Amino acid sequence: MGVRTTGSLGSGSDIKQAYVIFEKNVVKPLRENVEDIFNELLHIAKVKGELKINNFQIINETIVEVEESASKTSDALNSLSPLVATKVLGSMTPNEIRALASLPPIEGGDVVPSTNPETPVA
């Protein structure tokens, strides 16, 4: 596992793929070790039975795919240098940024926040 592109956070499908690889290479072997240890303890204690963990999911959350238009914007941002991407994000409204993460809009989120505080008049 790792970052495919420097400065890129990846998409929902990247997260799903990383989870599947992690589950196959880390979780499943550890699960099998737990089963083996418990079954050996049952055998030593002369208890008839067998422990079997069936398809236990660590993460039950649904991984959200971003909409195609948001994905294109996200891909474009990921192709930029981090400094340029930060500048572009600074010119976006909160709701535009939330749309990239497939989050619902918020009230008042259609205005670009001011980066320069107003200078008080003396």
C-alpha atoms as a PDB file:
ATOM      1  CA  MET A   1       0.000   0.000   0.000  1.00  0.00           C
ATOM      2  CA  GLY A   2       1.131   3.494  -0.675  1.00  0.00           C
ATOM      3  CA  VAL A   3       0.381   6.726  -2.442  1.00  0.00           C
ATOM      4  CA  ARG A   4       0.094   6.257  -6.200  1.00  0.00           C
ATOM      5  CA  THR A   5       0.770   9.911  -7.023  1.00  0.00           C
ATOM      6  CA  THR A   6       2.589  12.351  -4.774  1.00  0.00           C
ATOM      7  CA  GLY A   7       0.120  14.869  -3.378  1.00  0.00           C
ATOM      8  CA  SER A   8      -2.873  12.738  -4.378  1.00  0.00           C
ATOM      9  CA  LEU A   9      -5.352  11.542  -1.797  1.00  0.00           C
ATOM     10  CA  GLY A  10      -6.941   8.958  -4.064  1.00  0.00           C
ATOM     11  CA  SER A  11     -10.569   8.128  -4.663  1.00  0.00           C
ATOM     12  CA  GLY A  12     -13.161   5.850  -3.118  1.00  0.00           C
ATOM     13  CA  SER A  13     -12.085   2.996  -5.375  1.00  0.00           C
ATOM     14  CA  ASP A  14      -8.467   3.408  -4.197  1.00  0.00           C
ATOM     15  CA  ILE A  15      -9.645   3.134  -0.606  1.00  0.00           C
ATOM     16  CA  LYS A  16     -11.718   0.038  -1.385  1.00  0.00           C
ATOM     17  CA  GLN A  17      -8.773  -1.593  -3.154  1.00  0.00           C
ATOM     18  CA  ALA A  18      -6.415  -0.801  -0.266  1.00  0.00           C
ATOM     19  CA  TYR A  19      -8.928  -2.237   2.231  1.00  0.00           C
ATOM     20  CA  VAL A  20      -9.329  -5.455   0.221  1.00  0.00           C
ATOM     21  CA  ILE A  21      -5.537  -5.889   0.048  1.00  0.00           C
ATOM     22  CA  PHE A  22      -5.190  -5.162   3.783  1.00  0.00           C
ATOM     23  CA  GLU A  23      -7.954  -7.594   4.692  1.00  0.00           C
ATOM     24  CA  LYS A  24      -6.495 -10.346   2.501  1.00  0.00           C
ATOM     25  CA  ASN A  25      -2.873  -9.942   3.591  1.00  0.00           C
ATOM     26  CA  VAL A  26      -3.216  -8.903   7.241  1.00  0.00           C
ATOM     27  CA  VAL A  27      -6.669  -9.459   8.704  1.00  0.00           C
ATOM     28  CA  LYS A  28      -7.436 -12.891   7.244  1.00  0.00           C
ATOM     29  CA  PRO A  29      -4.128 -14.503   8.354  1.00  0.00           C
ATOM     30  CA  LEU A  30      -4.531 -13.016  11.856  1.00  0.00           C
ATOM     31  CA  ARG A  31      -8.139 -14.248  11.981  1.00  0.00           C
ATOM     32  CA  GLU A  32      -6.940 -17.745  11.043  1.00  0.00           C
ATOM     33  CA  ASN A  33      -4.277 -17.592  13.785  1.00  0.00           C
ATOM     34  CA  VAL A  34      -6.953 -16.666  16.366  1.00  0.00           C
ATOM     35  CA  GLU A  35      -9.111 -19.586  15.191  1.00  0.00           C
ATOM     36  CA  ASP A  36      -6.153 -21.988  15.397  1.00  0.00           C
ATOM     37  CA  ILE A  37      -5.192 -20.845  18.921  1.00  0.00           C
ATOM     38  CA  PHE A  38      -8.757 -21.090  20.261  1.00  0.00           C
ATOM     39  CA  ASN A  39      -9.294 -24.480  18.639  1.00  0.00           C
ATOM     40  CA  GLU A  40      -6.031 -25.735  20.151  1.00  0.00           C
ATOM     41  CA  LEU A  41      -7.151 -24.479  23.579  1.00  0.00           C
ATOM     42  CA  LEU A  42     -10.495 -26.244  23.132  1.00  0.00           C
ATOM     43  CA  HIS A  43      -8.623 -29.447  22.216  1.00  0.00           C
ATOM     44  CA  ILE A  44      -6.310 -29.146  25.240  1.00  0.00           C
ATOM     45  CA  ALA A  45      -9.318 -28.565  27.510  1.00  0.00           C
ATOM     46  CA  LYS A  46     -10.968 -31.603  25.907  1.00  0.00           C
ATOM     47  CA  VAL A  47     -13.968 -29.540  24.852  1.00  0.00           C
ATOM     48  CA  LYS A  48     -15.699 -30.756  21.729  1.00  0.00           C
ATOM     49  CA  GLY A  49     -16.284 -27.895  19.381  1.00  0.00           C
ATOM     50  CA  GLU A  50     -14.636 -25.663  16.866  1.00  0.00           C
ATOM     51  CA  LEU A  51     -14.364 -21.901  16.592  1.00  0.00           C
ATOM     52  CA  LYS A  52     -14.889 -20.504  13.097  1.00  0.00           C
ATOM     53  CA  ILE A  53     -14.999 -16.779  12.289  1.00  0.00           C
ATOM     54  CA  ASN A  54     -17.232 -16.346   9.252  1.00  0.00           C
ATOM     55  CA  ASN A  55     -16.680 -13.281   7.055  1.00  0.00           C
ATOM     56  CA  PHE A  56     -16.360 -10.816   9.901  1.00  0.00           C
ATOM     57  CA  GLN A  57     -16.061  -7.299   8.452  1.00  0.00           C
ATOM     58  CA  ILE A  58     -13.882  -4.802  10.295  1.00  0.00           C
ATOM     59  CA  ILE A  59     -15.385  -1.866   8.424  1.00  0.00           C
ATOM     60  CA  ASN A  60     -19.126  -1.860   7.882  1.00  0.00           C
ATOM     61  CA  GLU A  61     -19.141   1.700   6.548  1.00  0.00           C
ATOM     62  CA  THR A  62     -20.039   2.316   2.931  1.00  0.00           C
ATOM     63  CA  ILE A  63     -17.228   3.962   1.033  1.00  0.00           C
ATOM     64  CA  VAL A  64     -18.740   6.805  -0.953  1.00  0.00           C
ATOM     65  CA  GLU A  65     -17.825   7.235  -4.590  1.00  0.00           C
ATOM     66  CA  VAL A  66     -17.564  10.854  -5.690  1.00  0.00           C
ATOM     67  CA  GLU A  67     -19.774  12.006  -8.537  1.00  0.00           C
ATOM     68  CA  GLU A  68     -18.142  12.096 -11.967  1.00  0.00           C
ATOM     69  CA  SER A  69     -17.917  15.909 -12.143  1.00  0.00           C
ATOM     70  CA  ALA A  70     -16.457  16.077  -8.627  1.00  0.00           C
ATOM     71  CA  SER A  71     -14.085  13.260  -9.528  1.00  0.00           C
ATOM     72  CA  LYS A  72     -12.832  15.196 -12.554  1.00  0.00           C
ATOM     73  CA  THR A  73     -12.240  18.249 -10.370  1.00  0.00           C
ATOM     74  CA  SER A  74     -10.513  16.110  -7.762  1.00  0.00           C
ATOM     75  CA  ASP A  75      -8.330  14.490 -10.429  1.00  0.00           C
ATOM     76  CA  ALA A  76      -7.422  17.935 -11.776  1.00  0.00           C
ATOM     77  CA  LEU A  77      -6.494  19.150  -8.279  1.00  0.00           C
ATOM     78  CA  ASN A  78      -4.440  16.020  -7.648  1.00  0.00           C
ATOM     79  CA  SER A  79      -2.476  16.631 -10.846  1.00  0.00           C
ATOM     80  CA  LEU A  80      -1.353  20.049  -9.563  1.00  0.00           C
ATOM     81  CA  SER A  81       1.498  20.742  -7.199  1.00  0.00           C
ATOM     82  CA  PRO A  82       0.331  20.967  -3.579  1.00  0.00           C
ATOM     83  CA  LEU A  83       0.972  24.736  -3.483  1.00  0.00           C
ATOM     84  CA  VAL A  84      -1.066  25.397  -6.636  1.00  0.00           C
ATOM     85  CA  ALA A  85      -3.832  23.033  -5.483  1.00  0.00           C
ATOM     86  CA  THR A  86      -4.007  24.906  -2.156  1.00  0.00           C
ATOM     87  CA  LYS A  87      -4.324  28.208  -4.041  1.00  0.00           C
ATOM     88  CA  VAL A  88      -7.134  26.770  -6.204  1.00  0.00           C
ATOM     89  CA  LEU A  89      -8.959  25.407  -3.140  1.00  0.00           C
ATOM     90  CA  GLY A  90      -8.630  28.845  -1.541  1.00  0.00           C
ATOM     91  CA  SER A  91     -10.680  30.325  -4.399  1.00  0.00           C
ATOM     92  CA  MET A  92     -13.486  27.750  -4.062  1.00  0.00           C
ATOM     93  CA  THR A  93     -16.613  28.087  -1.953  1.00  0.00           C
ATOM     94  CA  PRO A  94     -17.086  25.749   1.001  1.00  0.00           C
ATOM     95  CA  ASN A  95     -19.946  24.035  -0.854  1.00  0.00           C
ATOM     96  CA  GLU A  96     -17.741  23.422  -3.915  1.00  0.00           C
ATOM     97  CA  ILE A  97     -15.136  21.826  -1.655  1.00  0.00           C
ATOM     98  CA  ARG A  98     -17.843  19.781   0.122  1.00  0.00           C
ATOM     99  CA  ALA A  99     -19.099  18.565  -3.275  1.00  0.00           C
ATOM    100  CA  LEU A 100     -15.623  17.128  -3.958  1.00  0.00           C
ATOM    101  CA  ALA A 101     -16.077  14.934  -0.888  1.00  0.00           C
ATOM    102  CA  SER A 102     -19.720  14.085  -1.773  1.00  0.00           C
ATOM    103  CA  LEU A 103     -20.949  16.034   1.243  1.00  0.00           C
ATOM    104  CA  PRO A 104     -24.221  18.000   1.239  1.00  0.00           C
ATOM    105  CA  PRO A 105     -24.084  21.779   0.890  1.00  0.00           C
ATOM    106  CA  ILE A 106     -24.279  23.960   3.977  1.00  0.00           C
ATOM    107  CA  GLU A 107     -26.179  27.184   4.482  1.00  0.00           C
ATOM    108  CA  GLY A 108     -24.038  30.166   3.531  1.00  0.00           C
ATOM    109  CA  GLY A 109     -21.489  27.914   1.849  1.00  0.00           C
ATOM    110  CA  ASP A 110     -21.788  29.491  -1.604  1.00  0.00           C
ATOM    111  CA  VAL A 111     -19.526  32.438  -0.818  1.00  0.00           C
ATOM    112  CA  VAL A 112     -15.754  32.281  -1.187  1.00  0.00           C
ATOM    113  CA  PRO A 113     -14.250  33.033   2.242  1.00  0.00           C
ATOM    114  CA  SER A 114     -12.095  36.152   2.398  1.00  0.00           C
ATOM    115  CA  THR A 115      -8.414  35.377   2.943  1.00  0.00           C
ATOM    116  CA  ASN A 116      -7.491  38.992   3.721  1.00  0.00           C
ATOM    117  CA  PRO A 117      -9.107  40.348   6.856  1.00  0.00           C
ATOM    118  CA  GLU A 118     -10.496  43.842   6.414  1.00  0.00           C
ATOM    119  CA  THR A 119      -8.234  46.541   7.734  1.00  0.00           C
ATOM    120  CA  PRO A 120      -9.923  48.515  10.493  1.00  0.00           C
ATOM    121  CA  VAL A 121     -10.522  52.183   9.694  1.00  0.00           C
ATOM    122  CA  ALA A 122      -8.805  54.509  12.145  1.00  0.00           C
END
